Amino acid sequence: MSRALVNGATLHYDDTGPSTGLPVLLIHGHPFNRTLWTPQSKQLAAAGYRVITPDLRGYGDSDVTPGRVYLSDFADDLVGLLDTLGIGQAVIGGVSMGGQIAMEVHRRYAHRVRALVLSDTSSPAESTEGKAFRNRLADRLLADGMAGYADEVIDKMLAAYNVTALPDVAAHVLGMMRATDPRGAAAALRGRAERPDFGETLAAARCPVLILVGADDVYTPVSDAEAIGRLVPHAELCVIGGAGHLPGAEQPERFNEALLHFLRTQVAADPA
């Protein structure tokens, strides 16, 4: 694990694989940390890619900023981390909230994005009802902590059948959620409630785009992934069977196969 001071916060991250490899930055979702990407980091690094997996501000080992943290703040942090590492362009990927942060990086810094990998995420701005829900949930997490919430949502984060079929994965996901600082989770929820609509910038995307989604995702279902695919006509869409909201953890072999195929066939080692 390494650390870097970025925009006033110390971010912890892992940097694996050869330093000369094509950089791939993977962004975890809420309320997780960088270890969500362990199956991808290992296989991508073994295939010759340089994989950077940070703990977002407020999550994992990184510093907490109470109050409200916008997607733009996360995007600025990640580009600042790339600057610190001397990386000009990278493949930017994320799951759920991490996918929305990846879209925000593309919206603000398209020239830094070699390709986009969007897993189990959605592109519209938050609805009025969604804003109210996220702010209520932020209040609840600050008052009650993460444990009860984690227990309530585990069978939505994973496909319900995988909670029992994949006990080690379920334990890891529960552990990440329970360990998250409620102040960081609440700040991200409040900021995410104010997210923009990414339709315009996705429609204008010129980089390769891979969209992945668990076939049984109840939070961001296949229809959400298909909607992104309609915005980006040249995007690849991969539906991963036997998985819910976190297919990279639930079906890592299938997820990694799709990701590696995309990187090898659609993303050149050196930018044009």
Protein backbone atom coordinates (compact mmCIF):
# COMPACT_ATOMS: atom_id res chain seq x y z
CA MET A 1 0.00 0.00 0.00
CA SER A 2 1.17 3.50 -0.87
CA ARG A 3 -0.11 6.93 0.04
CA ALA A 4 -0.21 10.36 -1.56
CA LEU A 5 -1.33 13.80 -0.40
CA VAL A 6 -3.87 14.99 -2.96
CA ASN A 7 -6.03 18.10 -2.63
CA GLY A 8 -5.46 18.25 1.10
CA ALA A 9 -6.28 14.59 1.82
CA THR A 10 -4.03 11.57 2.17
CA LEU A 11 -5.20 8.87 -0.22
CA HIS A 12 -4.08 5.27 0.18
CA TYR A 13 -3.76 3.15 -2.92
CA ASP A 14 -2.21 0.02 -4.39
CA ASP A 15 -0.07 0.23 -7.52
CA THR A 16 0.54 -3.23 -8.95
CA GLY A 17 1.93 -4.66 -12.15
CA PRO A 18 4.81 -3.40 -14.28
CA SER A 19 5.41 0.35 -14.20
CA THR A 20 5.66 0.30 -17.99
CA GLY A 21 2.27 -1.34 -18.45
CA LEU A 22 -0.84 0.38 -19.72
CA PRO A 23 -2.29 2.12 -16.62
CA VAL A 24 -5.72 1.00 -15.45
CA LEU A 25 -7.33 2.96 -12.61
CA LEU A 26 -10.19 1.11 -10.91
CA ILE A 27 -12.64 2.97 -8.64
CA HIS A 28 -14.61 1.15 -5.96
CA GLY A 29 -18.23 1.90 -5.16
CA HIS A 30 -20.07 2.83 -1.97
CA PRO A 31 -19.46 1.81 0.77
CA PHE A 32 -16.41 -0.24 -0.10
CA ASN A 33 -12.65 0.15 -0.50
CA ARG A 34 -9.84 -0.72 -2.88
CA THR A 35 -9.79 -4.41 -1.90
CA LEU A 36 -13.03 -4.87 -3.86
CA TRP A 37 -10.78 -4.97 -6.95
CA THR A 38 -8.33 -7.61 -5.71
CA PRO A 39 -9.40 -10.27 -8.25
CA GLN A 40 -8.99 -7.77 -11.09
CA SER A 41 -5.70 -6.31 -9.83
CA LYS A 42 -4.06 -9.72 -9.64
CA GLN A 43 -5.09 -10.87 -13.09
CA LEU A 44 -4.51 -7.56 -14.86
CA ALA A 45 -1.08 -7.17 -13.29
CA ALA A 46 -0.19 -10.72 -14.32
CA ALA A 47 -1.23 -9.81 -17.87
CA GLY A 48 1.19 -6.85 -17.91
CA TYR A 49 -1.07 -3.95 -16.98
CA ARG A 50 -0.28 -1.36 -14.33
CA VAL A 51 -3.26 -1.33 -11.97
CA ILE A 52 -3.96 1.55 -9.58
CA THR A 53 -6.69 0.94 -6.99
CA PRO A 54 -7.22 3.85 -4.59
CA ASP A 55 -9.33 4.16 -1.49
CA LEU A 56 -11.56 7.12 -2.24
CA ARG A 57 -11.58 10.06 0.14
CA GLY A 58 -13.71 8.95 3.11
CA TYR A 59 -13.30 5.22 2.46
CA GLY A 60 -10.84 2.52 3.44
CA ASP A 61 -7.59 3.93 4.78
CA SER A 62 -7.92 7.35 3.11
CA ASP A 63 -8.69 10.56 4.99
CA VAL A 64 -12.28 11.44 5.78
CA THR A 65 -13.81 14.75 4.75
CA PRO A 66 -17.11 15.22 6.66
CA GLY A 67 -20.05 17.11 5.25
CA ARG A 68 -20.45 16.66 1.50
CA VAL A 69 -18.05 15.30 -1.11
CA TYR A 70 -19.16 15.70 -4.71
CA LEU A 71 -18.35 13.38 -7.59
CA SER A 72 -16.25 16.23 -8.95
CA ASP A 73 -14.17 16.17 -5.75
CA PHE A 74 -13.50 12.46 -6.20
CA ALA A 75 -12.64 13.03 -9.87
CA ASP A 76 -10.21 15.80 -8.99
CA ASP A 77 -8.60 13.54 -6.38
CA LEU A 78 -8.09 10.74 -8.87
CA VAL A 79 -6.61 12.96 -11.56
CA GLY A 80 -4.38 14.46 -8.86
CA LEU A 81 -3.25 10.94 -8.00
CA LEU A 82 -2.47 10.25 -11.65
CA ASP A 83 -0.46 13.47 -11.70
CA THR A 84 1.46 12.36 -8.62
CA LEU A 85 2.24 9.05 -10.33
CA GLY A 86 3.30 10.75 -13.56
CA ILE A 87 0.51 9.12 -15.57
CA GLY A 88 -0.90 11.19 -18.40
CA GLN A 89 -3.65 8.87 -19.64
CA ALA A 90 -5.24 5.81 -18.08
CA VAL A 91 -8.08 3.41 -18.59
CA ILE A 92 -10.63 4.62 -16.02
CA GLY A 93 -13.04 2.05 -14.62
CA GLY A 94 -15.52 1.98 -11.79
CA VAL A 95 -18.43 0.10 -10.31
CA SER A 96 -21.69 1.69 -9.12
CA MET A 97 -20.74 5.07 -7.57
CA GLY A 98 -17.26 4.37 -8.88
CA GLY A 99 -18.70 4.17 -12.38
CA GLN A 100 -20.32 7.57 -11.90
CA ILE A 101 -16.99 8.93 -10.70
CA ALA A 102 -15.38 7.47 -13.82
CA MET A 103 -17.99 9.28 -15.92
CA GLU A 104 -17.21 12.47 -13.99
CA VAL A 105 -13.50 12.04 -14.70
CA HIS A 106 -14.40 11.71 -18.38
CA ARG A 107 -16.72 14.75 -18.18
CA ARG A 108 -14.04 16.94 -16.62
CA TYR A 109 -10.83 15.42 -18.00
CA ALA A 110 -11.68 13.57 -21.22
CA HIS A 111 -8.10 13.97 -22.46
CA ARG A 112 -6.87 11.89 -19.51
CA VAL A 113 -9.18 8.94 -20.28
CA ARG A 114 -7.72 6.25 -22.54
CA ALA A 115 -10.88 4.14 -22.20
CA LEU A 116 -13.90 3.88 -19.90
CA VAL A 117 -15.03 0.76 -18.06
CA LEU A 118 -18.47 1.21 -16.48
CA SER A 119 -19.77 -1.58 -14.26
CA ASP A 120 -23.26 -1.67 -12.74
CA THR A 121 -23.87 2.05 -12.83
CA SER A 122 -26.30 4.61 -14.23
CA SER A 123 -25.88 7.88 -16.08
CA PRO A 124 -28.89 10.15 -15.30
CA ALA A 125 -28.90 12.85 -12.65
CA GLU A 126 -30.49 11.89 -9.35
CA SER A 127 -34.27 12.17 -9.10
CA THR A 128 -35.99 14.30 -6.48
CA GLU A 129 -36.98 11.13 -4.63
CA GLY A 130 -33.45 9.79 -4.91
CA LYS A 131 -31.97 12.97 -3.46
CA ALA A 132 -34.26 12.77 -0.46
CA PHE A 133 -33.44 9.08 0.04
CA ARG A 134 -29.68 9.61 -0.08
CA ASN A 135 -29.84 12.48 2.40
CA ARG A 136 -32.04 10.47 4.78
CA LEU A 137 -29.64 7.55 4.52
CA ALA A 138 -26.71 9.85 5.26
CA ASP A 139 -28.49 11.03 8.41
CA ARG A 140 -29.16 7.45 9.43
CA LEU A 141 -25.57 6.28 8.92
CA LEU A 142 -24.26 9.17 11.01
CA ALA A 143 -26.71 8.36 13.79
CA ASP A 144 -26.63 4.55 13.77
CA GLY A 145 -23.39 3.50 12.07
CA MET A 146 -22.86 1.07 9.20
CA ALA A 147 -23.63 -2.37 10.66
CA GLY A 148 -27.42 -2.39 10.36
CA TYR A 149 -27.29 -0.90 6.87
CA ALA A 150 -24.74 -3.50 5.76
CA ASP A 151 -26.92 -6.35 6.94
CA GLU A 152 -29.96 -4.89 5.15
CA VAL A 153 -28.33 -4.46 1.74
CA ILE A 154 -25.99 -7.44 1.44
CA ASP A 155 -28.58 -9.39 -0.58
CA LYS A 156 -28.83 -6.47 -2.99
CA MET A 157 -25.12 -5.74 -3.27
CA LEU A 158 -24.71 -9.39 -4.21
CA ALA A 159 -27.34 -11.45 -5.97
CA ALA A 160 -29.38 -12.92 -3.13
CA TYR A 161 -28.40 -16.47 -4.06
CA ASN A 162 -24.70 -15.57 -3.87
CA VAL A 163 -24.91 -14.51 -0.22
CA THR A 164 -25.08 -18.20 0.69
CA ALA A 165 -23.40 -19.66 -2.41
CA LEU A 166 -20.31 -17.45 -2.02
CA PRO A 167 -19.82 -17.07 1.74
CA ASP A 168 -16.25 -15.75 1.49
CA VAL A 169 -17.33 -13.05 -0.97
CA ALA A 170 -20.30 -12.12 1.21
CA ALA A 171 -18.05 -11.89 4.26
CA HIS A 172 -15.61 -9.63 2.41
CA VAL A 173 -18.37 -7.33 1.16
CA LEU A 174 -19.96 -7.14 4.62
CA GLY A 175 -16.57 -6.44 6.18
CA MET A 176 -15.88 -3.56 3.82
CA MET A 177 -19.28 -2.00 4.46
CA ARG A 178 -19.06 -2.34 8.23
CA ALA A 179 -15.54 -0.89 8.32
CA THR A 180 -16.43 2.25 6.36
CA ASP A 181 -16.41 5.47 8.36
CA PRO A 182 -20.04 6.71 8.50
CA ARG A 183 -18.83 10.29 8.02
CA GLY A 184 -17.20 9.38 4.72
CA ALA A 185 -20.20 7.37 3.56
CA ALA A 186 -22.61 10.18 4.47
CA ALA A 187 -20.51 12.84 2.75
CA ALA A 188 -20.43 10.81 -0.45
CA LEU A 189 -24.17 10.14 -0.33
CA ARG A 190 -24.91 13.87 0.01
CA GLY A 191 -22.57 14.74 -2.83
CA ARG A 192 -23.79 11.96 -5.08
CA ALA A 193 -27.35 13.20 -4.66
CA GLU A 194 -26.28 16.32 -6.59
CA ARG A 195 -24.64 14.48 -9.48
CA PRO A 196 -25.09 15.73 -13.05
CA ASP A 197 -26.58 13.90 -15.99
CA PHE A 198 -23.78 12.28 -17.97
CA GLY A 199 -25.77 11.74 -21.15
CA GLU A 200 -24.24 14.56 -23.17
CA THR A 201 -20.62 13.73 -22.45
CA LEU A 202 -21.17 10.01 -22.90
CA ALA A 203 -22.79 10.62 -26.28
CA ALA A 204 -19.71 12.62 -27.28
CA ALA A 205 -17.22 10.02 -26.02
CA ARG A 206 -14.44 9.22 -28.46
CA CYS A 207 -12.61 6.69 -26.32
CA PRO A 208 -13.43 2.98 -26.21
CA VAL A 209 -16.16 2.16 -23.67
CA LEU A 210 -16.93 -1.16 -21.99
CA ILE A 211 -20.19 -1.56 -20.06
CA LEU A 212 -20.55 -4.50 -17.69
CA VAL A 213 -23.54 -5.47 -15.58
CA GLY A 214 -24.62 -8.40 -13.43
CA ALA A 215 -27.62 -10.14 -14.93
CA ASP A 216 -29.41 -10.01 -11.58
CA ASP A 217 -28.42 -6.52 -10.42
CA VAL A 218 -31.39 -4.97 -8.60
CA TYR A 219 -29.79 -1.55 -7.97
CA THR A 220 -28.67 -0.76 -11.53
CA PRO A 221 -30.34 -3.42 -13.69
CA VAL A 222 -29.45 -4.49 -17.20
CA SER A 223 -31.83 -1.82 -18.55
CA ASP A 224 -29.58 0.89 -17.04
CA ALA A 225 -26.55 -0.60 -18.76
CA GLU A 226 -28.45 -0.79 -22.04
CA ALA A 227 -29.40 2.89 -21.66
CA ILE A 228 -25.71 3.80 -21.41
CA GLY A 229 -25.08 1.62 -24.45
CA ARG A 230 -27.63 3.60 -26.43
CA LEU A 231 -25.84 6.82 -25.49
CA VAL A 232 -22.47 5.45 -26.63
CA PRO A 233 -23.17 3.65 -29.92
CA HIS A 234 -19.66 2.20 -30.17
CA ALA A 235 -19.64 0.80 -26.63
CA GLU A 236 -19.35 -2.89 -25.83
CA LEU A 237 -21.96 -4.32 -23.44
CA CYS A 238 -21.37 -7.48 -21.43
CA VAL A 239 -24.06 -9.00 -19.21
CA ILE A 240 -22.53 -11.31 -16.62
CA GLY A 241 -24.67 -14.20 -15.50
CA GLY A 242 -24.72 -15.43 -11.94
CA ALA A 243 -24.06 -11.98 -10.50
CA GLY A 244 -25.80 -9.00 -8.98
CA HIS A 245 -24.45 -5.51 -8.33
CA LEU A 246 -20.80 -6.55 -7.88
CA PRO A 247 -19.97 -8.97 -10.71
CA GLY A 248 -16.24 -8.36 -10.35
CA ALA A 249 -16.46 -9.97 -6.92
CA GLU A 250 -19.24 -12.49 -7.62
CA GLN A 251 -18.01 -13.78 -10.98
CA PRO A 252 -14.40 -12.59 -11.23
CA GLU A 253 -13.42 -15.03 -13.97
CA ARG A 254 -16.21 -13.90 -16.29
CA PHE A 255 -15.67 -10.25 -15.42
CA ASN A 256 -11.91 -10.46 -15.98
CA GLU A 257 -12.32 -12.32 -19.25
CA ALA A 258 -14.53 -9.55 -20.61
CA LEU A 259 -12.25 -6.81 -19.30
CA LEU A 260 -9.06 -8.36 -20.66
CA HIS A 261 -10.65 -9.00 -24.05
CA PHE A 262 -11.72 -5.36 -24.22
CA LEU A 263 -8.28 -4.07 -23.24
CA ARG A 264 -6.49 -6.33 -25.72
CA THR A 265 -8.78 -5.69 -28.67
CA GLN A 266 -10.01 -2.11 -28.18
CA VAL A 267 -7.30 -0.28 -26.24
CA ALA A 268 -3.90 0.10 -27.81
CA ALA A 269 -0.86 -0.05 -25.55
CA ASP A 270 0.13 3.46 -26.60
CA PRO A 271 -2.32 6.31 -27.24
CA ALA A 272 -2.63 7.43 -30.84
